[in-house]
Structure formats: C-alpha cells, structure tokens
Amino acid sequence: MPATLPMSCPYCGELVELGIDEDGGSRQEFVQDCPVCCQPWQVAVRRDADGVWSASLRTADE
C-alpha cells in the first residue's frame, strides 16, 4: 500500500492526499499539480530514521 500524507494546498487551501513513492528513497523533491486547483506545487518529502514520512508543499514561485 503506498504511503499518503494529508496536506493543504498552498494555493487554494484544500485538504488533499499526497502520494509518496516509498521506493523513491528517503529524500525526494518533485513538482506535482494540485488535484483541485491544478496549480503546481514544489514538494519535498523526507523519511526519518523511524520510517515516518513528512512533507512540505510550496508554491512554484517560492
């Protein structure tokens, strides 16, 4: 089962589920569009030593 994190879009504020590629490594950065407002996010995902995922979303112009 893929990991997901609940996140708020930095543009529209809607709560969305961010899917994480668990095979992509413990540090990942990518661009993904909001499924609600279609604006592009800059996504940074990290997995800590205990295996817990965290993520941050930024607007494309930050």
PDB file of N, CA and C in Angstrom:
ATOM      1  N   MET A   1       0.845  -1.188   0.000  1.00  0.00           N
ATOM      2  CA  MET A   1       0.000   0.000   0.000  1.00  0.00           C
ATOM      3  C   MET A   1       0.884   1.242   0.000  1.00  0.00           C
ATOM      4  N   PRO A   2       0.690   2.145  -0.953  1.00  0.00           N
ATOM      5  CA  PRO A   2       1.517   3.354  -0.993  1.00  0.00           C
ATOM      6  C   PRO A   2       1.213   4.273   0.194  1.00  0.00           C
ATOM      7  N   ALA A   3       2.226   4.991   0.621  1.00  0.00           N
ATOM      8  CA  ALA A   3       2.060   5.946   1.718  1.00  0.00           C
ATOM      9  C   ALA A   3       1.403   7.209   1.194  1.00  0.00           C
ATOM     10  N   THR A   4       0.546   7.795   2.010  1.00  0.00           N
ATOM     11  CA  THR A   4      -0.064   9.081   1.683  1.00  0.00           C
ATOM     12  C   THR A   4      -0.016   9.968   2.918  1.00  0.00           C
ATOM     13  N   LEU A   5       0.042  11.254   2.678  1.00  0.00           N
ATOM     14  CA  LEU A   5       0.003  12.235   3.757  1.00  0.00           C
ATOM     15  C   LEU A   5      -1.088  13.249   3.459  1.00  0.00           C
ATOM     16  N   PRO A   6      -1.891  13.606   4.457  1.00  0.00           N
ATOM     17  CA  PRO A   6      -2.855  14.686   4.247  1.00  0.00           C
ATOM     18  C   PRO A   6      -2.117  16.025   4.246  1.00  0.00           C
ATOM     19  N   MET A   7      -2.360  16.830   3.235  1.00  0.00           N
ATOM     20  CA  MET A   7      -1.683  18.124   3.090  1.00  0.00           C
ATOM     21  C   MET A   7      -2.698  19.169   2.647  1.00  0.00           C
ATOM     22  N   SER A   8      -2.391  20.433   2.903  1.00  0.00           N
ATOM     23  CA  SER A   8      -3.215  21.539   2.413  1.00  0.00           C
ATOM     24  C   SER A   8      -2.495  22.211   1.257  1.00  0.00           C
ATOM     25  N   CYS A   9      -3.218  22.434   0.176  1.00  0.00           N
ATOM     26  CA  CYS A   9      -2.651  23.105  -0.986  1.00  0.00           C
ATOM     27  C   CYS A   9      -2.247  24.527  -0.598  1.00  0.00           C
ATOM     28  N   PRO A  10      -1.021  24.952  -0.941  1.00  0.00           N
ATOM     29  CA  PRO A  10      -0.590  26.308  -0.613  1.00  0.00           C
ATOM     30  C   PRO A  10      -1.288  27.388  -1.456  1.00  0.00           C
ATOM     31  N   TYR A  11      -2.007  26.988  -2.485  1.00  0.00           N
ATOM     32  CA  TYR A  11      -2.741  27.945  -3.322  1.00  0.00           C
ATOM     33  C   TYR A  11      -4.198  28.075  -2.870  1.00  0.00           C
ATOM     34  N   CYS A  12      -4.943  26.957  -2.896  1.00  0.00           N
ATOM     35  CA  CYS A  12      -6.380  27.016  -2.640  1.00  0.00           C
ATOM     36  C   CYS A  12      -6.765  26.605  -1.225  1.00  0.00           C
ATOM     37  N   GLY A  13      -5.820  25.998  -0.489  1.00  0.00           N
ATOM     38  CA  GLY A  13      -6.078  25.617   0.893  1.00  0.00           C
ATOM     39  C   GLY A  13      -6.841  24.316   1.073  1.00  0.00           C
ATOM     40  N   GLU A  14      -7.229  23.669  -0.018  1.00  0.00           N
ATOM     41  CA  GLU A  14      -7.978  22.418   0.085  1.00  0.00           C
ATOM     42  C   GLU A  14      -7.102  21.307   0.665  1.00  0.00           C
ATOM     43  N   LEU A  15      -7.718  20.445   1.469  1.00  0.00           N
ATOM     44  CA  LEU A  15      -7.035  19.286   2.019  1.00  0.00           C
ATOM     45  C   LEU A  15      -6.986  18.207   0.954  1.00  0.00           C
ATOM     46  N   VAL A  16      -5.790  17.698   0.667  1.00  0.00           N
ATOM     47  CA  VAL A  16      -5.591  16.670  -0.358  1.00  0.00           C
ATOM     48  C   VAL A  16      -4.679  15.587   0.208  1.00  0.00           C
ATOM     49  N   GLU A  17      -4.692  14.432  -0.419  1.00  0.00           N
ATOM     50  CA  GLU A  17      -3.802  13.337  -0.034  1.00  0.00           C
ATOM     51  C   GLU A  17      -2.600  13.341  -0.976  1.00  0.00           C
ATOM     52  N   LEU A  18      -1.421  13.489  -0.412  1.00  0.00           N
ATOM     53  CA  LEU A  18      -0.181  13.467  -1.183  1.00  0.00           C
ATOM     54  C   LEU A  18       0.346  12.036  -1.195  1.00  0.00           C
ATOM     55  N   GLY A  19       0.455  11.448  -2.387  1.00  0.00           N
ATOM     56  CA  GLY A  19       1.007  10.106  -2.526  1.00  0.00           C
ATOM     57  C   GLY A  19       2.528  10.141  -2.496  1.00  0.00           C
ATOM     58  N   ILE A  20       3.134   9.151  -1.834  1.00  0.00           N
ATOM     59  CA  ILE A  20       4.594   9.079  -1.703  1.00  0.00           C
ATOM     60  C   ILE A  20       5.087   7.791  -2.334  1.00  0.00           C
ATOM     61  N   ASP A  21       6.102   7.889  -3.181  1.00  0.00           N
ATOM     62  CA  ASP A  21       6.746   6.722  -3.776  1.00  0.00           C
ATOM     63  C   ASP A  21       7.744   6.193  -2.753  1.00  0.00           C
ATOM     64  N   GLU A  22       7.346   5.176  -2.005  1.00  0.00           N
ATOM     65  CA  GLU A  22       8.196   4.655  -0.940  1.00  0.00           C
ATOM     66  C   GLU A  22       9.500   4.046  -1.460  1.00  0.00           C
ATOM     67  N   ASP A  23       9.533   3.681  -2.743  1.00  0.00           N
ATOM     68  CA  ASP A  23      10.755   3.132  -3.344  1.00  0.00           C
ATOM     69  C   ASP A  23      11.652   4.217  -3.919  1.00  0.00           C
ATOM     70  N   GLY A  24      11.231   5.485  -3.821  1.00  0.00           N
ATOM     71  CA  GLY A  24      11.983   6.598  -4.396  1.00  0.00           C
ATOM     72  C   GLY A  24      13.095   7.136  -3.509  1.00  0.00           C
ATOM     73  N   GLY A  25      13.308   6.545  -2.357  1.00  0.00           N
ATOM     74  CA  GLY A  25      14.358   6.996  -1.455  1.00  0.00           C
ATOM     75  C   GLY A  25      13.781   7.788  -0.298  1.00  0.00           C
ATOM     76  N   SER A  26      14.608   8.033   0.709  1.00  0.00           N
ATOM     77  CA  SER A  26      14.144   8.705   1.922  1.00  0.00           C
ATOM     78  C   SER A  26      14.077  10.221   1.780  1.00  0.00           C
ATOM     79  N   ARG A  27      14.638  10.769   0.702  1.00  0.00           N
ATOM     80  CA  ARG A  27      14.551  12.213   0.410  1.00  0.00           C
ATOM     81  C   ARG A  27      14.158  12.371  -1.039  1.00  0.00           C
ATOM     82  N   GLN A  28      13.047  13.049  -1.259  1.00  0.00           N
ATOM     83  CA  GLN A  28      12.544  13.225  -2.615  1.00  0.00           C
ATOM     84  C   GLN A  28      12.091  14.667  -2.803  1.00  0.00           C
ATOM     85  N   GLU A  29      12.305  15.185  -3.989  1.00  0.00           N
ATOM     86  CA  GLU A  29      11.796  16.501  -4.371  1.00  0.00           C
ATOM     87  C   GLU A  29      11.233  16.382  -5.778  1.00  0.00           C
ATOM     88  N   PHE A  30      10.033  16.944  -5.962  1.00  0.00           N
ATOM     89  CA  PHE A  30       9.384  16.863  -7.265  1.00  0.00           C
ATOM     90  C   PHE A  30       8.319  17.938  -7.361  1.00  0.00           C
ATOM     91  N   VAL A  31       7.776  18.120  -8.564  1.00  0.00           N
ATOM     92  CA  VAL A  31       6.686  19.061  -8.809  1.00  0.00           C
ATOM     93  C   VAL A  31       5.440  18.243  -9.095  1.00  0.00           C
ATOM     94  N   GLN A  32       4.335  18.656  -8.470  1.00  0.00           N
ATOM     95  CA  GLN A  32       3.061  17.969  -8.669  1.00  0.00           C
ATOM     96  C   GLN A  32       1.948  19.011  -8.697  1.00  0.00           C
ATOM     97  N   ASP A  33       0.957  18.807  -9.552  1.00  0.00           N
ATOM     98  CA  ASP A  33      -0.177  19.735  -9.627  1.00  0.00           C
ATOM     99  C   ASP A  33      -1.228  19.384  -8.590  1.00  0.00           C
ATOM    100  N   CYS A  34      -1.849  20.405  -8.012  1.00  0.00           N
ATOM    101  CA  CYS A  34      -2.961  20.219  -7.089  1.00  0.00           C
ATOM    102  C   CYS A  34      -4.119  19.555  -7.830  1.00  0.00           C
ATOM    103  N   PRO A  35      -4.718  18.494  -7.273  1.00  0.00           N
ATOM    104  CA  PRO A  35      -5.853  17.860  -7.956  1.00  0.00           C
ATOM    105  C   PRO A  35      -7.130  18.702  -7.911  1.00  0.00           C
ATOM    106  N   VAL A  36      -7.147  19.771  -7.114  1.00  0.00           N
ATOM    107  CA  VAL A  36      -8.331  20.622  -7.001  1.00  0.00           C
ATOM    108  C   VAL A  36      -8.200  21.851  -7.898  1.00  0.00           C
ATOM    109  N   CYS A  37      -7.128  22.647  -7.706  1.00  0.00           N
ATOM    110  CA  CYS A  37      -6.999  23.908  -8.456  1.00  0.00           C
ATOM    111  C   CYS A  37      -5.977  23.844  -9.597  1.00  0.00           C
ATOM    112  N   CYS A  38      -5.268  22.743  -9.729  1.00  0.00           N
ATOM    113  CA  CYS A  38      -4.311  22.475 -10.820  1.00  0.00           C
ATOM    114  C   CYS A  38      -3.051  23.343 -10.781  1.00  0.00           C
ATOM    115  N   GLN A  39      -2.808  24.058  -9.706  1.00  0.00           N
ATOM    116  CA  GLN A  39      -1.578  24.844  -9.581  1.00  0.00           C
ATOM    117  C   GLN A  39      -0.413  23.914  -9.216  1.00  0.00           C
ATOM    118  N   PRO A  40       0.813  24.224  -9.680  1.00  0.00           N
ATOM    119  CA  PRO A  40       1.956  23.344  -9.406  1.00  0.00           C
ATOM    120  C   PRO A  40       2.552  23.581  -8.014  1.00  0.00           C
ATOM    121  N   TRP A  41       2.803  22.493  -7.320  1.00  0.00           N
ATOM    122  CA  TRP A  41       3.473  22.536  -6.021  1.00  0.00           C
ATOM    123  C   TRP A  41       4.926  22.133  -6.182  1.00  0.00           C
ATOM    124  N   GLN A  42       5.784  22.672  -5.352  1.00  0.00           N
ATOM    125  CA  GLN A  42       7.124  22.139  -5.153  1.00  0.00           C
ATOM    126  C   GLN A  42       7.022  21.272  -3.899  1.00  0.00           C
ATOM    127  N   VAL A  43       7.291  19.987  -4.049  1.00  0.00           N
ATOM    128  CA  VAL A  43       7.111  19.026  -2.964  1.00  0.00           C
ATOM    129  C   VAL A  43       8.476  18.547  -2.480  1.00  0.00           C
ATOM    130  N   ALA A  44       8.669  18.548  -1.167  1.00  0.00           N
ATOM    131  CA  ALA A  44       9.856  17.965  -0.547  1.00  0.00           C
ATOM    132  C   ALA A  44       9.369  16.931   0.456  1.00  0.00           C
ATOM    133  N   VAL A  45       9.812  15.684   0.293  1.00  0.00           N
ATOM    134  CA  VAL A  45       9.377  14.577   1.134  1.00  0.00           C
ATOM    135  C   VAL A  45      10.599  13.970   1.814  1.00  0.00           C
ATOM    136  N   ARG A  46      10.452  13.663   3.088  1.00  0.00           N
ATOM    137  CA  ARG A  46      11.548  13.064   3.864  1.00  0.00           C
ATOM    138  C   ARG A  46      11.018  11.917   4.710  1.00  0.00           C
ATOM    139  N   ARG A  47      11.850  10.882   4.897  1.00  0.00           N
ATOM    140  CA  ARG A  47      11.532   9.783   5.816  1.00  0.00           C
ATOM    141  C   ARG A  47      12.598   9.788   6.897  1.00  0.00           C
ATOM    142  N   ASP A  48      12.167   9.826   8.162  1.00  0.00           N
ATOM    143  CA  ASP A  48      13.136   9.874   9.257  1.00  0.00           C
ATOM    144  C   ASP A  48      13.637   8.469   9.597  1.00  0.00           C
ATOM    145  N   ALA A  49      14.527   8.377  10.577  1.00  0.00           N
ATOM    146  CA  ALA A  49      15.147   7.106  10.949  1.00  0.00           C
ATOM    147  C   ALA A  49      14.131   6.077  11.446  1.00  0.00           C
ATOM    148  N   ASP A  50      12.982   6.534  11.929  1.00  0.00           N
ATOM    149  CA  ASP A  50      11.930   5.631  12.399  1.00  0.00           C
ATOM    150  C   ASP A  50      10.978   5.220  11.281  1.00  0.00           C
ATOM    151  N   GLY A  51      11.213   5.714  10.062  1.00  0.00           N
ATOM    152  CA  GLY A  51      10.369   5.360   8.928  1.00  0.00           C
ATOM    153  C   GLY A  51       9.141   6.224   8.772  1.00  0.00           C
ATOM    154  N   VAL A  52       9.074   7.329   9.517  1.00  0.00           N
ATOM    155  CA  VAL A  52       7.916   8.224   9.450  1.00  0.00           C
ATOM    156  C   VAL A  52       8.146   9.265   8.355  1.00  0.00           C
ATOM    157  N   TRP A  53       7.144   9.417   7.469  1.00  0.00           N
ATOM    158  CA  TRP A  53       7.230  10.362   6.365  1.00  0.00           C
ATOM    159  C   TRP A  53       6.741  11.742   6.782  1.00  0.00           C
ATOM    160  N   SER A  54       7.375  12.783   6.241  1.00  0.00           N
ATOM    161  CA  SER A  54       6.900  14.159   6.383  1.00  0.00           C
ATOM    162  C   SER A  54       7.094  14.840   5.028  1.00  0.00           C
ATOM    163  N   ALA A  55       6.312  15.886   4.801  1.00  0.00           N
ATOM    164  CA  ALA A  55       6.400  16.570   3.515  1.00  0.00           C
ATOM    165  C   ALA A  55       6.114  18.049   3.698  1.00  0.00           C
ATOM    166  N   SER A  56       6.604  18.843   2.760  1.00  0.00           N
ATOM    167  CA  SER A  56       6.259  20.258   2.700  1.00  0.00           C
ATOM    168  C   SER A  56       5.880  20.591   1.267  1.00  0.00           C
ATOM    169  N   LEU A  57       4.901  21.472   1.142  1.00  0.00           N
ATOM    170  CA  LEU A  57       4.442  21.959  -0.165  1.00  0.00           C
ATOM    171  C   LEU A  57       4.710  23.436  -0.238  1.00  0.00           C
ATOM    172  N   ARG A  58       5.253  23.886  -1.369  1.00  0.00           N
ATOM    173  CA  ARG A  58       5.477  25.315  -1.597  1.00  0.00           C
ATOM    174  C   ARG A  58       4.893  25.676  -2.952  1.00  0.00           C
ATOM    175  N   THR A  59       4.584  26.951  -3.100  1.00  0.00           N
ATOM    176  CA  THR A  59       4.123  27.409  -4.414  1.00  0.00           C
ATOM    177  C   THR A  59       5.298  27.363  -5.390  1.00  0.00           C
ATOM    178  N   ALA A  60       5.009  27.348  -6.658  1.00  0.00           N
ATOM    179  CA  ALA A  60       6.053  27.237  -7.674  1.00  0.00           C
ATOM    180  C   ALA A  60       6.975  28.448  -7.691  1.00  0.00           C
ATOM    181  N   ASP A  61       6.506  29.605  -7.208  1.00  0.00           N
ATOM    182  CA  ASP A  61       7.347  30.806  -7.262  1.00  0.00           C
ATOM    183  C   ASP A  61       8.111  31.075  -5.959  1.00  0.00           C
ATOM    184  N   GLU A  62       8.043  30.157  -4.996  1.00  0.00           N
ATOM    185  CA  GLU A  62       8.806  30.348  -3.741  1.00  0.00           C
ATOM    186  C   GLU A  62      10.233  29.904  -3.911  1.00  0.00           C
TER     187      GLU A  62
END
